[in-house]
Amino acid sequence: MHDIGILASADPVALDQACIDLVWVSEGNASFVNRVQDRNGLHTLENAEAIGLGSRSYQLVDISR
């Protein structure tokens, strides 16, 4: 998989969701997608949000310019 950059956030749930979303649409992601799906990885994010650890909502801000 190619380099998707570095992400940062004070919200760990939003950060994980953003990373998942970026990898999900990247080329060469099949191995990662299979692992997430096989281990019900998205349920972890759903539950983390449900118990108040953070929000799955996020806004990407590109600071490379």
Protein backbone atom coordinates (compact mmCIF):
# COMPACT_ATOMS: atom_id res chain seq x y z
CA MET A 1 0.00 0.00 0.00
CA HIS A 2 1.25 3.49 -0.74
CA ASP A 3 1.98 6.21 1.82
CA ILE A 4 -1.23 7.92 2.99
CA GLY A 5 0.59 10.42 5.18
CA ILE A 6 0.41 11.18 8.88
CA LEU A 7 -2.80 11.85 10.74
CA ALA A 8 -3.21 13.42 14.18
CA SER A 9 -6.15 14.17 16.44
CA ALA A 10 -7.02 14.70 20.07
CA ASP A 11 -9.92 12.28 19.49
CA PRO A 12 -8.61 8.70 19.22
CA VAL A 13 -11.86 7.35 17.76
CA ALA A 14 -11.98 9.99 15.02
CA LEU A 15 -8.31 9.36 14.27
CA ASP A 16 -8.83 5.61 13.89
CA GLN A 17 -11.92 6.16 11.73
CA ALA A 18 -10.06 8.56 9.45
CA CYS A 19 -7.18 6.11 9.09
CA ILE A 20 -9.56 3.26 8.28
CA ASP A 21 -11.39 5.39 5.71
CA LEU A 22 -8.18 6.49 3.97
CA VAL A 23 -6.78 2.97 3.82
CA TRP A 24 -10.14 1.59 2.66
CA VAL A 25 -9.96 3.64 -0.56
CA SER A 26 -6.22 3.13 -1.16
CA GLU A 27 -4.72 0.82 -3.75
CA GLY A 28 -3.16 -2.37 -2.41
CA ASN A 29 -5.42 -2.46 0.63
CA ALA A 30 -6.81 -6.00 0.27
CA SER A 31 -4.80 -7.56 3.10
CA PHE A 32 -5.75 -4.80 5.55
CA VAL A 33 -9.42 -4.80 4.56
CA ASN A 34 -9.58 -8.59 4.97
CA ARG A 35 -8.05 -8.40 8.44
CA VAL A 36 -10.43 -5.67 9.59
CA GLN A 37 -13.44 -7.54 8.26
CA ASP A 38 -12.33 -10.93 9.63
CA ARG A 39 -11.84 -9.47 13.11
CA ASN A 40 -14.94 -7.23 13.11
CA GLY A 41 -12.62 -4.25 13.48
CA LEU A 42 -15.29 -1.66 12.79
CA HIS A 43 -17.26 -2.90 15.81
CA THR A 44 -14.39 -1.66 17.97
CA LEU A 45 -14.88 1.87 16.65
CA GLU A 46 -18.65 1.64 17.00
CA ASN A 47 -18.34 0.51 20.61
CA ALA A 48 -15.68 3.08 21.44
CA GLU A 49 -18.01 5.82 20.25
CA ALA A 50 -20.98 4.27 22.09
CA ILE A 51 -19.17 4.31 25.43
CA GLY A 52 -18.00 7.89 24.96
CA LEU A 53 -14.34 7.49 24.07
CA GLY A 54 -14.77 9.83 21.11
CA SER A 55 -16.66 10.39 17.89
CA ARG A 56 -16.33 8.65 14.55
CA SER A 57 -16.98 12.00 12.85
CA TYR A 58 -13.98 13.94 11.63
CA GLN A 59 -12.79 16.61 9.23
CA LEU A 60 -9.53 16.16 7.35
CA VAL A 61 -7.38 19.27 7.17
CA ASP A 62 -4.42 19.23 4.78
CA ILE A 63 -1.54 21.23 6.28
CA SER A 64 1.03 20.30 3.62
CA ARG A 65 0.54 23.48 1.61
